[in-house]
Amino acid sequence: MEQMTGAKETEVVVKMTSKNFRLMPEMQEFYRFVHENDLREEVKTLLTMLVGRKTKERRPRARRKLH
């Protein structure tokens, strides 16, 4: 087990919302990578496939009976 040497490590936790999603450092790096390597069409195709799979996997929730 590692011991801390007096220095406190701080971790910034950013709550991901639809408004700040694109401002996350990881996403900015991804956008930069896609732009610099001219991969817009390939990324769009991949994201469309992933979103399509995800929506197919979702099942409607069973409604709870109130009475």
N, C-alpha and C. Protein backbone atom coordinates (compact mmCIF):
# COMPACT_ATOMS: atom_id res chain seq x y z
N MET A 1 0.84 -1.18 0.00
CA MET A 1 0.00 0.00 0.00
C MET A 1 0.88 1.24 0.00
N GLU A 2 0.52 2.22 -0.80
CA GLU A 2 1.31 3.45 -0.87
C GLU A 2 0.92 4.40 0.25
N GLN A 3 1.90 5.11 0.75
CA GLN A 3 1.62 6.12 1.76
C GLN A 3 1.72 7.49 1.11
N MET A 4 0.81 8.35 1.49
CA MET A 4 0.85 9.71 0.95
C MET A 4 1.93 10.48 1.69
N THR A 5 2.67 11.29 0.97
CA THR A 5 3.79 12.03 1.56
C THR A 5 3.39 13.45 1.91
N GLY A 6 2.29 13.59 2.58
CA GLY A 6 1.87 14.91 3.03
C GLY A 6 1.12 15.72 1.98
N ALA A 7 1.31 15.42 0.73
CA ALA A 7 0.64 16.18 -0.33
C ALA A 7 -0.74 15.58 -0.55
N LYS A 8 -1.71 16.43 -0.57
CA LYS A 8 -3.08 15.96 -0.79
C LYS A 8 -3.35 15.90 -2.29
N GLU A 9 -3.87 14.78 -2.69
CA GLU A 9 -4.26 14.64 -4.08
C GLU A 9 -5.72 15.04 -4.20
N THR A 10 -5.99 15.92 -5.12
CA THR A 10 -7.37 16.35 -5.31
C THR A 10 -7.86 15.86 -6.65
N GLU A 11 -9.08 15.43 -6.65
CA GLU A 11 -9.69 14.94 -7.88
C GLU A 11 -10.91 15.79 -8.16
N VAL A 12 -10.95 16.33 -9.37
CA VAL A 12 -12.09 17.15 -9.75
C VAL A 12 -13.11 16.24 -10.42
N VAL A 13 -14.28 16.18 -9.85
CA VAL A 13 -15.34 15.36 -10.40
C VAL A 13 -16.34 16.31 -11.07
N VAL A 14 -16.53 16.11 -12.36
CA VAL A 14 -17.44 16.95 -13.11
C VAL A 14 -18.68 16.13 -13.40
N LYS A 15 -19.81 16.65 -13.00
CA LYS A 15 -21.07 15.97 -13.28
C LYS A 15 -21.38 16.14 -14.76
N MET A 16 -21.53 15.03 -15.47
CA MET A 16 -21.73 15.08 -16.90
C MET A 16 -23.20 15.36 -17.20
N THR A 17 -23.44 16.43 -17.90
CA THR A 17 -24.78 16.77 -18.35
C THR A 17 -24.72 17.04 -19.84
N SER A 18 -25.87 17.18 -20.44
CA SER A 18 -25.89 17.43 -21.88
C SER A 18 -25.29 18.78 -22.22
N LYS A 19 -25.28 19.70 -21.27
CA LYS A 19 -24.73 21.04 -21.54
C LYS A 19 -23.21 21.05 -21.50
N ASN A 20 -22.59 20.31 -20.57
CA ASN A 20 -21.14 20.40 -20.45
C ASN A 20 -20.42 19.17 -21.00
N PHE A 21 -21.13 18.27 -21.64
CA PHE A 21 -20.52 17.05 -22.16
C PHE A 21 -19.38 17.36 -23.14
N ARG A 22 -19.59 18.29 -24.03
CA ARG A 22 -18.58 18.62 -25.04
C ARG A 22 -17.40 19.39 -24.47
N LEU A 23 -17.53 19.90 -23.27
CA LEU A 23 -16.45 20.68 -22.67
C LEU A 23 -15.48 19.81 -21.86
N MET A 24 -15.79 18.54 -21.71
CA MET A 24 -14.90 17.66 -20.97
C MET A 24 -13.59 17.51 -21.73
N PRO A 25 -12.46 17.51 -21.03
CA PRO A 25 -11.16 17.44 -21.69
C PRO A 25 -11.01 16.21 -22.61
N GLU A 26 -11.54 15.08 -22.20
CA GLU A 26 -11.44 13.88 -23.03
C GLU A 26 -12.18 14.06 -24.35
N MET A 27 -13.35 14.68 -24.27
CA MET A 27 -14.13 14.89 -25.50
C MET A 27 -13.46 15.91 -26.41
N GLN A 28 -12.88 16.95 -25.83
CA GLN A 28 -12.18 17.94 -26.65
C GLN A 28 -10.99 17.30 -27.36
N GLU A 29 -10.27 16.41 -26.68
CA GLU A 29 -9.15 15.71 -27.31
C GLU A 29 -9.65 14.80 -28.43
N PHE A 30 -10.79 14.14 -28.20
CA PHE A 30 -11.36 13.27 -29.22
C PHE A 30 -11.76 14.08 -30.45
N TYR A 31 -12.45 15.20 -30.24
CA TYR A 31 -12.84 16.05 -31.37
C TYR A 31 -11.61 16.55 -32.13
N ARG A 32 -10.58 16.94 -31.41
CA ARG A 32 -9.36 17.41 -32.04
C ARG A 32 -8.71 16.31 -32.88
N PHE A 33 -8.66 15.10 -32.33
CA PHE A 33 -8.09 13.96 -33.04
C PHE A 33 -8.86 13.69 -34.33
N VAL A 34 -10.18 13.68 -34.23
CA VAL A 34 -11.02 13.42 -35.41
C VAL A 34 -10.80 14.50 -36.46
N HIS A 35 -10.75 15.75 -36.04
CA HIS A 35 -10.57 16.85 -36.98
C HIS A 35 -9.19 16.81 -37.64
N GLU A 36 -8.14 16.59 -36.85
CA GLU A 36 -6.78 16.59 -37.40
C GLU A 36 -6.54 15.44 -38.36
N ASN A 37 -7.23 14.32 -38.16
CA ASN A 37 -7.03 13.15 -39.01
C ASN A 37 -8.13 12.96 -40.04
N ASP A 38 -9.01 13.94 -40.16
CA ASP A 38 -10.08 13.93 -41.16
C ASP A 38 -10.89 12.62 -41.09
N LEU A 39 -11.41 12.33 -39.92
CA LEU A 39 -12.15 11.08 -39.68
C LEU A 39 -13.63 11.32 -39.42
N ARG A 40 -14.17 12.43 -39.86
CA ARG A 40 -15.56 12.77 -39.53
C ARG A 40 -16.56 11.73 -40.02
N GLU A 41 -16.42 11.29 -41.27
CA GLU A 41 -17.38 10.34 -41.82
C GLU A 41 -17.30 8.99 -41.11
N GLU A 42 -16.09 8.53 -40.83
CA GLU A 42 -15.91 7.25 -40.15
C GLU A 42 -16.50 7.29 -38.74
N VAL A 43 -16.25 8.37 -38.03
CA VAL A 43 -16.75 8.49 -36.67
C VAL A 43 -18.27 8.59 -36.67
N LYS A 44 -18.83 9.31 -37.63
CA LYS A 44 -20.28 9.42 -37.71
C LYS A 44 -20.91 8.05 -37.94
N THR A 45 -20.31 7.26 -38.82
CA THR A 45 -20.81 5.91 -39.08
C THR A 45 -20.76 5.05 -37.82
N LEU A 46 -19.64 5.09 -37.12
CA LEU A 46 -19.50 4.30 -35.90
C LEU A 46 -20.49 4.72 -34.82
N LEU A 47 -20.63 6.03 -34.62
CA LEU A 47 -21.55 6.51 -33.60
C LEU A 47 -23.00 6.17 -33.94
N THR A 48 -23.35 6.23 -35.21
CA THR A 48 -24.70 5.87 -35.64
C THR A 48 -24.98 4.40 -35.34
N MET A 49 -23.99 3.55 -35.61
CA MET A 49 -24.15 2.12 -35.33
C MET A 49 -24.29 1.87 -33.83
N LEU A 50 -23.47 2.53 -33.03
CA LEU A 50 -23.52 2.33 -31.58
C LEU A 50 -24.84 2.81 -30.99
N VAL A 51 -25.32 3.95 -31.43
CA VAL A 51 -26.59 4.47 -30.93
C VAL A 51 -27.73 3.55 -31.33
N GLY A 52 -27.67 3.03 -32.56
CA GLY A 52 -28.69 2.10 -33.02
C GLY A 52 -28.73 0.84 -32.19
N ARG A 53 -27.57 0.31 -31.86
CA ARG A 53 -27.51 -0.89 -31.01
C ARG A 53 -28.06 -0.61 -29.62
N LYS A 54 -27.70 0.53 -29.08
CA LYS A 54 -28.12 0.87 -27.72
C LYS A 54 -29.63 1.02 -27.64
N THR A 55 -30.24 1.64 -28.65
CA THR A 55 -31.69 1.82 -28.61
C THR A 55 -32.41 0.49 -28.79
N LYS A 56 -31.81 -0.44 -29.54
CA LYS A 56 -32.43 -1.76 -29.69
C LYS A 56 -32.36 -2.55 -28.39
N GLU A 57 -31.29 -2.35 -27.62
CA GLU A 57 -31.13 -3.07 -26.37
C GLU A 57 -32.10 -2.61 -25.29
N ARG A 58 -32.53 -1.38 -25.38
CA ARG A 58 -33.43 -0.85 -24.35
C ARG A 58 -34.77 -1.55 -24.43
N ARG A 59 -35.27 -1.87 -23.29
CA ARG A 59 -36.59 -2.48 -23.20
C ARG A 59 -37.49 -1.52 -22.45
N PRO A 60 -38.75 -1.49 -22.79
CA PRO A 60 -39.65 -0.62 -22.02
C PRO A 60 -39.74 -1.12 -20.58
N ARG A 61 -39.75 -0.20 -19.67
CA ARG A 61 -39.86 -0.53 -18.26
C ARG A 61 -41.27 -0.98 -17.93
N ALA A 62 -41.36 -1.94 -17.04
CA ALA A 62 -42.68 -2.37 -16.58
C ALA A 62 -43.22 -1.31 -15.64
N ARG A 63 -44.46 -0.96 -15.81
CA ARG A 63 -45.07 0.05 -14.96
C ARG A 63 -45.44 -0.55 -13.62
N ARG A 64 -45.20 0.20 -12.59
CA ARG A 64 -45.55 -0.25 -11.24
C ARG A 64 -47.01 -0.01 -10.99
N LYS A 65 -47.63 -0.94 -10.30
CA LYS A 65 -49.04 -0.78 -9.94
C LYS A 65 -49.11 0.10 -8.69
N LEU A 66 -49.95 1.08 -8.77
CA LEU A 66 -50.11 2.00 -7.64
C LEU A 66 -51.04 1.45 -6.57
N HIS A 67 -51.99 0.62 -6.94
CA HIS A 67 -52.96 0.10 -5.97
C HIS A 67 -53.00 -1.39 -6.00
